[in-house]
Amino acid sequence: MRTFACPEFLDVEMRKLGSRDQINFCEAYSGKTLLIVNTASNCGYAHQFTELERLHQRYKEDELAVIGFSSDDFFQEEDDEGDAATVCYDKYKVTFPVMATTSVRGENANQVFRALGEARGYPTWNFNKYLVGADGDIHRRFKANISPDHPKLRRSLQALLPTGDQ
């Protein structure tokens, strides 16, 4: 069994959107490839929830964790957290974890996005996607216009998975 040290930026516990449940990132995600996305339910890119869910379903057995971070930094998230959760879980049928609304850019960014932003640039809009290797290295950032189905993102993701190209 391989063991992995938890990167400092993932040494955090955060609450899930629309829930009291907390996720300890080190316990849940250490040793996994991560696709971390800043989300907003009223954004024109919200349809990407469907594509992110497809990625989650396709690769979850290959040690990929898709993680959403609800954010109103670009003023496109529901004011009521319950409404944001309804959009994610009911409208788009998301089963991957989405964190409670948080800041993802600048000095108020949460610990995870502070590290992502410093390494690859802060999000310039909703649905920026950050690819983090199982070793904790922050490999790539894909802007909102690069969909989860885009070949460039898929190739980068598959190269980091233990099963390699698929």
Foldseek 3Di string as FASTA:
>chain_A
DDFADDDPLQQDWFAFQPDRDIDRRCVPQQLAKEKEFEAALQDPLNLLLLVLQVVCVVCVVLRYAYEYEYECPVPRHDPDSVVNCCSNCPVNVHPGTYTHYADQDDPRHRSNSVVLCVVARTAPDGTWIWIAASNRRTDYIHHSVQGSPHPVNLQVNQCRTPVHDD
